């Protein structure tokens, strides 16, 4: 029983780790929200899901509070927050807010969380020059704009909107994390000035090519899962890259990683790759996910023999899994391995 529970926990853990990020979610959720928004009454008094906005006068705000969490309070407008003279973190997740407004006096604010509202435009943030974290995920945004004064911003979350271009990011030179998953991007562009960027998430878009990444030399995490890529390329300058996520694309050849010698995690699951090749130099690999591809040659595992720290390999649903000795052959080829697919290796 203990072994079964342990295997279940490991499987759950691995599934979580392979998701785009904890901020990304299914498009169906957004589609339902869009349909709801389209049925809203013109008066705006009754919201799309039938909820009536709460009267802000019924909410007691502590003028001395540094952290204010009003998650799912049915707030319809941002108003009455000027009493917060010391606030550093303001969380307004899952409310009914349509507009960013009345935040001018919150000059002490470091973090603003407006995840899952009904905001259509980024504006009225000019006075929040000290803002370091901004989350506008799960809204109705079509453009990236209104961020010019946020020169201290370090983390920007714009997951699951309707954004079609990466633009107007030039002033965010201190940005460490940019999350643009589940949007409508077709091209990686206009990121050249983000030289401090450490993590870039572009999953679930319509990107066809890896390009315009040359100046992002500090990047350690890059995720371009669930796009329309057919080739691994354009990564030669990312010499500090440690985690690369390229699952659910149309990639046919494992290549283009000659300069990415620091990789510890490589995810190319659910592509059309036939051979494990061109990665023998990735000796720091710890996680290799290549399930749901077309690998049929056992000799390919020799490519991983130099990665003595390799702990996990995912190779299920490749032709080689049909071999009755599937797990045994992997253990013989990679005796240091600790986990095959979702199951620990027993010694």
Protein backbone atom coordinates (compact mmCIF):
# COMPACT_ATOMS: atom_id res chain seq x y z
CA UNK A 1 0.00 0.00 0.00
CA UNK A 2 2.82 2.41 0.87
CA UNK A 3 4.48 1.77 -2.51
CA UNK A 4 1.22 2.45 -4.34
CA UNK A 5 0.71 5.72 -2.48
CA UNK A 6 4.29 6.74 -3.20
CA UNK A 7 3.90 6.04 -6.91
CA UNK A 8 0.67 8.06 -7.00
CA UNK A 9 2.36 11.03 -5.33
CA UNK A 10 5.27 10.89 -7.78
CA UNK A 11 2.90 10.74 -10.74
CA UNK A 12 0.93 13.71 -9.47
CA UNK A 13 4.13 15.64 -8.86
CA UNK A 14 5.46 15.02 -12.36
CA UNK A 15 2.19 16.00 -13.98
CA UNK A 16 2.23 19.29 -12.06
CA UNK A 17 5.82 20.00 -13.04
CA UNK A 18 5.10 19.53 -16.71
CA UNK A 19 2.32 22.09 -16.81
CA UNK A 20 3.06 25.42 -18.39
CA UNK A 21 3.02 27.22 -15.04
CA UNK A 22 0.67 27.33 -12.11
CA UNK A 23 -0.91 30.40 -13.64
CA UNK A 24 -1.85 28.76 -16.97
CA UNK A 25 -5.15 26.94 -17.46
CA UNK A 26 -7.45 25.47 -20.09
CA UNK A 27 -8.78 27.76 -22.79
CA UNK A 28 -12.27 26.50 -22.05
CA UNK A 29 -12.38 28.53 -18.86
CA UNK A 30 -11.59 31.71 -20.77
CA UNK A 31 -14.09 30.92 -23.49
CA UNK A 32 -16.85 30.56 -20.93
CA UNK A 33 -15.87 33.88 -19.41
CA UNK A 34 -15.94 35.53 -22.86
CA UNK A 35 -19.42 34.20 -23.55
CA UNK A 36 -20.57 35.46 -20.19
CA UNK A 37 -19.07 38.89 -20.86
CA UNK A 38 -20.90 39.12 -24.15
CA UNK A 39 -24.23 38.68 -22.38
CA UNK A 40 -23.69 41.43 -19.83
CA UNK A 41 -26.34 44.12 -19.60
CA UNK A 42 -25.36 47.52 -20.96
CA UNK A 43 -26.01 49.11 -17.59
CA UNK A 44 -23.13 47.16 -16.06
CA UNK A 45 -25.06 46.85 -12.81
CA UNK A 46 -25.56 43.12 -13.18
CA UNK A 47 -22.40 41.16 -14.08
CA UNK A 48 -22.27 38.34 -16.63
CA UNK A 49 -22.48 35.51 -14.11
CA UNK A 50 -25.47 37.04 -12.35
CA UNK A 51 -23.48 38.41 -9.43
CA UNK A 52 -24.18 41.90 -8.14
CA UNK A 53 -21.06 43.91 -7.22
CA UNK A 54 -20.51 44.45 -3.53
CA UNK A 55 -20.76 47.94 -2.04
CA UNK A 56 -17.20 48.92 -1.10
CA UNK A 57 -18.52 50.80 1.93
CA UNK A 58 -19.30 47.43 3.50
CA UNK A 59 -15.63 46.42 3.41
CA UNK A 60 -13.47 47.59 6.28
CA UNK A 61 -9.95 48.53 5.23
CA UNK A 62 -7.16 48.92 7.79
CA UNK A 63 -5.17 52.08 6.97
CA UNK A 64 -2.09 50.47 8.58
CA UNK A 65 -2.27 47.23 6.61
CA UNK A 66 0.68 46.31 4.40
CA UNK A 67 -1.06 43.31 2.84
CA UNK A 68 -4.68 43.46 1.70
CA UNK A 69 -6.34 40.33 0.31
CA UNK A 70 -9.84 40.76 -1.16
CA UNK A 71 -9.97 37.60 -3.22
CA UNK A 72 -13.45 36.79 -4.59
CA UNK A 73 -15.28 39.62 -2.82
CA UNK A 74 -17.49 40.53 -5.83
CA UNK A 75 -15.85 43.94 -6.07
CA UNK A 76 -17.09 45.77 -9.16
CA UNK A 77 -14.96 48.92 -9.02
CA UNK A 78 -11.58 49.84 -7.59
CA UNK A 79 -12.48 52.63 -5.22
CA UNK A 80 -11.98 53.62 -1.60
CA UNK A 81 -8.46 52.25 -1.38
CA UNK A 82 -6.80 55.63 -0.88
CA UNK A 83 -6.98 55.05 2.92
CA UNK A 84 -4.25 52.41 2.56
CA UNK A 85 -1.20 54.51 3.36
CA UNK A 86 1.25 51.64 3.89
CA UNK A 87 -0.02 48.90 1.59
CA UNK A 88 2.62 46.88 -0.23
CA UNK A 89 0.52 43.99 -1.55
CA UNK A 90 -3.02 44.37 -2.90
CA UNK A 91 -4.82 41.23 -4.06
CA UNK A 92 -8.09 41.68 -5.94
CA UNK A 93 -8.29 38.27 -7.57
CA UNK A 94 -11.53 36.81 -8.89
CA UNK A 95 -13.67 39.89 -8.68
CA UNK A 96 -15.88 41.75 -11.17
CA UNK A 97 -13.51 44.63 -11.94
CA UNK A 98 -13.71 46.10 -15.45
CA UNK A 99 -11.26 49.00 -15.17
CA UNK A 100 -7.97 49.79 -13.47
CA UNK A 101 -8.62 53.08 -11.67
CA UNK A 102 -8.23 55.07 -8.44
CA UNK A 103 -4.84 53.60 -7.51
CA UNK A 104 -2.84 56.83 -7.89
CA UNK A 105 -2.28 57.31 -4.15
CA UNK A 106 -1.01 53.80 -3.47
CA UNK A 107 2.60 54.80 -4.07
CA UNK A 108 3.90 52.22 -1.55
CA UNK A 109 2.51 49.33 -3.60
CA UNK A 110 4.96 46.57 -4.59
CA UNK A 111 2.52 43.92 -5.78
CA UNK A 112 -0.84 44.28 -7.55
CA UNK A 113 -2.87 41.15 -8.29
CA UNK A 114 -5.89 41.55 -10.60
CA UNK A 115 -6.03 37.94 -11.78
CA UNK A 116 -9.41 36.77 -13.12
CA UNK A 117 -11.43 39.95 -13.57
CA UNK A 118 -12.99 41.60 -16.65
CA UNK A 119 -10.33 44.20 -17.47
CA UNK A 120 -9.99 45.18 -21.13
CA UNK A 121 -7.18 47.75 -20.98
CA UNK A 122 -3.96 48.32 -19.02
CA UNK A 123 -3.90 51.95 -17.92
CA UNK A 124 -3.88 54.31 -14.93
CA UNK A 125 -0.72 52.78 -13.44
CA UNK A 126 1.53 55.81 -13.95
CA UNK A 127 1.94 56.61 -10.23
CA UNK A 128 2.86 53.04 -9.23
CA UNK A 129 6.51 53.39 -10.20
CA UNK A 130 7.62 51.12 -7.34
CA UNK A 131 5.52 48.17 -8.51
CA UNK A 132 7.54 44.96 -8.75
CA UNK A 133 4.85 42.33 -9.41
CA UNK A 134 1.79 42.75 -11.64
CA UNK A 135 -0.69 39.99 -12.40
CA UNK A 136 -3.36 40.64 -15.03
CA UNK A 137 -3.93 37.03 -16.03
CA UNK A 138 -7.39 35.80 -17.03
CA UNK A 139 -8.80 39.12 -18.17
CA UNK A 140 -9.92 40.44 -21.57
CA UNK A 141 -6.78 42.28 -22.65
CA UNK A 142 -5.94 42.58 -26.35
CA UNK A 143 -2.81 44.74 -26.07
CA UNK A 144 0.21 45.17 -23.83
CA UNK A 145 0.28 48.89 -23.03
CA UNK A 146 0.35 51.41 -20.20
CA UNK A 147 3.44 49.92 -18.53
CA UNK A 148 5.98 52.60 -19.45
CA UNK A 149 6.35 54.00 -15.91
CA UNK A 150 6.83 50.61 -14.24
CA UNK A 151 10.59 50.55 -14.59
CA UNK A 152 11.02 48.52 -11.37
CA UNK A 153 8.71 45.72 -12.46
CA UNK A 154 10.28 42.29 -11.97
CA UNK A 155 7.40 39.88 -12.64
CA UNK A 156 4.61 40.34 -15.18
CA UNK A 157 1.81 37.80 -15.60
CA UNK A 158 -0.52 38.15 -18.59
CA UNK A 159 -1.74 34.58 -18.93
CA UNK A 160 -4.95 33.76 -20.78
CA UNK A 161 -5.92 37.03 -22.41
CA UNK A 162 -6.38 37.89 -26.10
CA UNK A 163 -2.96 39.42 -26.71
CA UNK A 164 -1.69 39.01 -30.27
CA UNK A 165 1.65 40.80 -30.01
CA UNK A 166 4.45 41.21 -27.49
CA UNK A 167 4.92 44.99 -27.52
CA UNK A 168 5.55 48.09 -25.41
CA UNK A 169 7.86 46.22 -23.04
CA UNK A 170 10.99 48.27 -23.73
CA UNK A 171 10.98 50.16 -20.43
CA UNK A 172 10.77 47.01 -18.29
CA UNK A 173 14.53 46.53 -18.13
CA UNK A 174 14.40 44.97 -14.65
CA UNK A 175 11.92 42.27 -15.60
CA UNK A 176 12.94 38.79 -14.41
CA UNK A 177 9.81 36.83 -15.33
CA UNK A 178 7.38 37.27 -18.21
CA UNK A 179 4.36 34.96 -18.51
CA UNK A 180 2.41 35.24 -21.76
CA UNK A 181 0.94 31.75 -21.94
CA UNK A 182 -2.49 31.11 -23.48
CA UNK A 183 -2.72 34.15 -25.71
CA UNK A 184 -2.68 34.67 -29.49
CA UNK A 185 1.00 35.31 -30.19
CA UNK A 186 2.37 34.20 -33.53
CA UNK A 187 5.87 35.67 -33.35
CA UNK A 188 8.48 36.02 -30.59
CA UNK A 189 9.41 39.69 -30.90
CA UNK A 190 10.18 42.97 -29.11
CA UNK A 191 11.91 41.33 -26.14
CA UNK A 192 15.42 42.57 -26.96
CA UNK A 193 15.62 45.06 -24.07
CA UNK A 194 14.64 42.51 -21.41
CA UNK A 195 18.25 41.57 -20.71
CA UNK A 196 17.59 40.68 -17.05
CA UNK A 197 14.90 38.17 -17.97
CA UNK A 198 15.34 34.85 -16.19
CA UNK A 199 12.09 33.04 -17.04
CA UNK A 200 9.98 33.32 -20.21
CA UNK A 201 6.70 31.45 -20.62
CA UNK A 202 5.05 31.45 -24.06
CA UNK A 203 3.05 28.23 -23.97
CA UNK A 204 -0.31 27.74 -25.68
CA UNK A 205 0.07 30.35 -28.40
CA UNK A 206 0.49 30.08 -32.21
CA UNK A 207 4.25 30.56 -32.45
CA UNK A 208 5.87 28.90 -35.46
CA UNK A 209 9.54 29.73 -34.92
CA UNK A 210 12.07 30.18 -32.12
CA UNK A 211 13.67 33.54 -32.88
CA UNK A 212 14.70 36.96 -31.55
CA UNK A 213 16.06 35.55 -28.29
CA UNK A 214 19.74 36.43 -28.77
CA UNK A 215 19.91 39.23 -26.18
CA UNK A 216 18.26 37.18 -23.40
CA UNK A 217 21.53 35.66 -22.28
CA UNK A 218 20.47 35.41 -18.61
CA UNK A 219 17.48 33.25 -19.42
CA UNK A 220 17.42 30.02 -17.38
CA UNK A 221 13.83 28.89 -18.05
CA UNK A 222 12.15 28.92 -21.46
CA UNK A 223 8.75 27.37 -22.12
CA UNK A 224 7.22 27.31 -25.58
CA UNK A 225 4.94 24.32 -25.11
CA UNK A 226 1.80 23.77 -27.19
CA UNK A 227 2.68 26.00 -30.13
CA UNK A 228 3.38 25.32 -33.81
CA UNK A 229 7.13 24.79 -33.78
CA UNK A 230 8.66 22.36 -36.26
CA UNK A 231 12.34 22.94 -35.47
CA UNK A 232 14.62 23.61 -32.49
CA UNK A 233 16.66 26.68 -33.42
CA UNK A 234 17.61 30.18 -32.33
CA UNK A 235 18.87 29.12 -28.89
CA UNK A 236 22.61 29.50 -29.48
CA UNK A 237 22.95 32.60 -27.26
CA UNK A 238 21.07 31.11 -24.32
CA UNK A 239 24.15 29.61 -22.73
CA UNK A 240 22.69 29.81 -19.20
CA UNK A 241 19.49 27.95 -20.05
CA UNK A 242 18.67 25.25 -17.51
CA UNK A 243 15.08 24.32 -18.26
CA UNK A 244 13.65 24.04 -21.77
CA UNK A 245 10.03 23.03 -22.39
CA UNK A 246 9.01 22.30 -25.99
CA UNK A 247 6.33 19.65 -25.65
CA UNK A 248 3.22 19.45 -27.83
CA UNK A 249 4.67 20.92 -31.01
CA UNK A 250 5.55 19.45 -34.41
CA UNK A 251 9.31 19.08 -33.92
CA UNK A 252 10.88 16.28 -35.98
CA UNK A 253 14.57 16.37 -35.07
CA UNK A 254 16.34 16.77 -31.74
CA UNK A 255 18.96 19.39 -32.60
CA UNK A 256 20.10 22.99 -32.12
CA UNK A 257 21.21 22.60 -28.50
CA UNK A 258 24.97 22.74 -29.01
CA UNK A 259 25.46 25.80 -26.77
CA UNK A 260 22.93 24.91 -24.09
CA UNK A 261 25.28 22.78 -22.04
CA UNK A 262 23.80 23.78 -18.67
CA UNK A 263 20.42 22.21 -19.35
CA UNK A 264 19.11 20.17 -16.43
CA UNK A 265 15.56 19.69 -17.76
CA UNK A 266 14.68 19.00 -21.39
CA UNK A 267 11.05 18.44 -22.31
CA UNK A 268 10.33 17.48 -25.93
CA UNK A 269 7.35 15.24 -25.21
CA UNK A 270 4.50 14.89 -27.71
CA UNK A 271 6.38 15.80 -30.87
CA UNK A 272 7.36 13.78 -33.96
CA UNK A 273 10.96 12.98 -33.07
CA UNK A 274 12.35 9.62 -34.26
CA UNK A 275 15.82 9.64 -32.73
CA UNK A 276 17.48 10.60 -29.46
CA UNK A 277 20.49 12.37 -30.88
CA UNK A 278 22.71 15.46 -30.68
CA UNK A 279 22.46 15.71 -26.87
CA UNK A 280 25.43 13.67 -25.68
CA UNK A 281 27.07 16.94 -24.60
CA UNK A 282 24.23 17.70 -22.15
CA UNK A 283 25.99 16.07 -19.23
CA UNK A 284 24.12 18.07 -16.58
CA UNK A 285 20.70 16.69 -17.54
CA UNK A 286 18.56 15.55 -14.61
CA UNK A 287 15.14 15.33 -16.27
CA UNK A 288 14.53 14.10 -19.84
CA UNK A 289 10.94 13.98 -21.05
CA UNK A 290 10.47 12.42 -24.50
CA UNK A 291 7.27 10.46 -24.15
CA UNK A 292 4.79 10.37 -27.06
CA UNK A 293 7.32 10.50 -29.86
CA UNK A 294 8.54 7.99 -32.49
CA UNK A 295 11.72 6.54 -30.93
CA UNK A 296 12.23 2.91 -31.96
CA UNK A 297 15.98 2.36 -31.59
CA UNK A 298 17.37 1.19 -28.25
CA UNK A 299 20.90 2.25 -29.18
CA UNK A 300 19.75 5.89 -28.94
CA UNK A 301 19.92 5.69 -25.14
CA UNK A 302 23.70 5.90 -25.49
CA UNK A 303 23.16 9.65 -26.02
CA UNK A 304 22.19 9.94 -22.34
CA UNK A 305 25.01 7.84 -20.90
CA UNK A 306 27.18 10.86 -20.10
CA UNK A 307 24.54 12.52 -17.93
CA UNK A 308 25.47 10.76 -14.71
CA UNK A 309 23.10 12.97 -12.72
CA UNK A 310 20.08 11.96 -14.81
CA UNK A 311 17.28 10.97 -12.46
CA UNK A 312 14.13 10.77 -14.59
CA UNK A 313 13.33 9.71 -18.16
CA UNK A 314 9.92 9.68 -19.79
CA UNK A 315 9.83 7.42 -22.85
CA UNK A 316 6.37 5.90 -22.64
CA UNK A 317 4.22 5.77 -25.76
CA UNK A 318 7.23 5.52 -28.04
CA UNK A 319 7.58 2.38 -30.22
CA UNK A 320 10.30 1.06 -27.89
CA UNK A 321 7.74 0.70 -25.09
CA UNK A 322 6.24 -2.26 -26.94
CA UNK A 323 9.33 -4.26 -25.96
CA UNK A 324 8.49 -6.63 -23.11
CA UNK A 325 11.85 -5.74 -21.53
CA UNK A 326 11.21 -2.00 -21.78
CA UNK A 327 12.03 -1.01 -18.18
CA UNK A 328 14.85 -3.51 -17.84
CA UNK A 329 16.60 -2.27 -20.98
CA UNK A 330 16.39 1.34 -19.82
CA UNK A 331 17.91 0.39 -16.46
CA UNK A 332 20.72 -1.51 -18.17
CA UNK A 333 21.51 1.40 -20.49
CA UNK A 334 21.18 4.02 -17.75
CA UNK A 335 22.09 2.31 -14.45
CA UNK A 336 22.04 5.60 -12.54
CA UNK A 337 18.39 6.34 -13.38
CA UNK A 338 15.96 6.73 -10.47
CA UNK A 339 12.63 7.05 -12.24
CA UNK A 340 11.23 5.70 -15.50
CA UNK A 341 8.08 7.46 -16.62
CA UNK A 342 5.95 7.97 -13.50
CA UNK A 343 7.39 5.07 -11.51
CA UNK A 344 10.45 4.89 -9.29
CA UNK A 345 13.12 2.32 -10.10
CA UNK A 346 13.33 -0.41 -7.47
CA UNK A 347 16.75 -1.70 -6.55
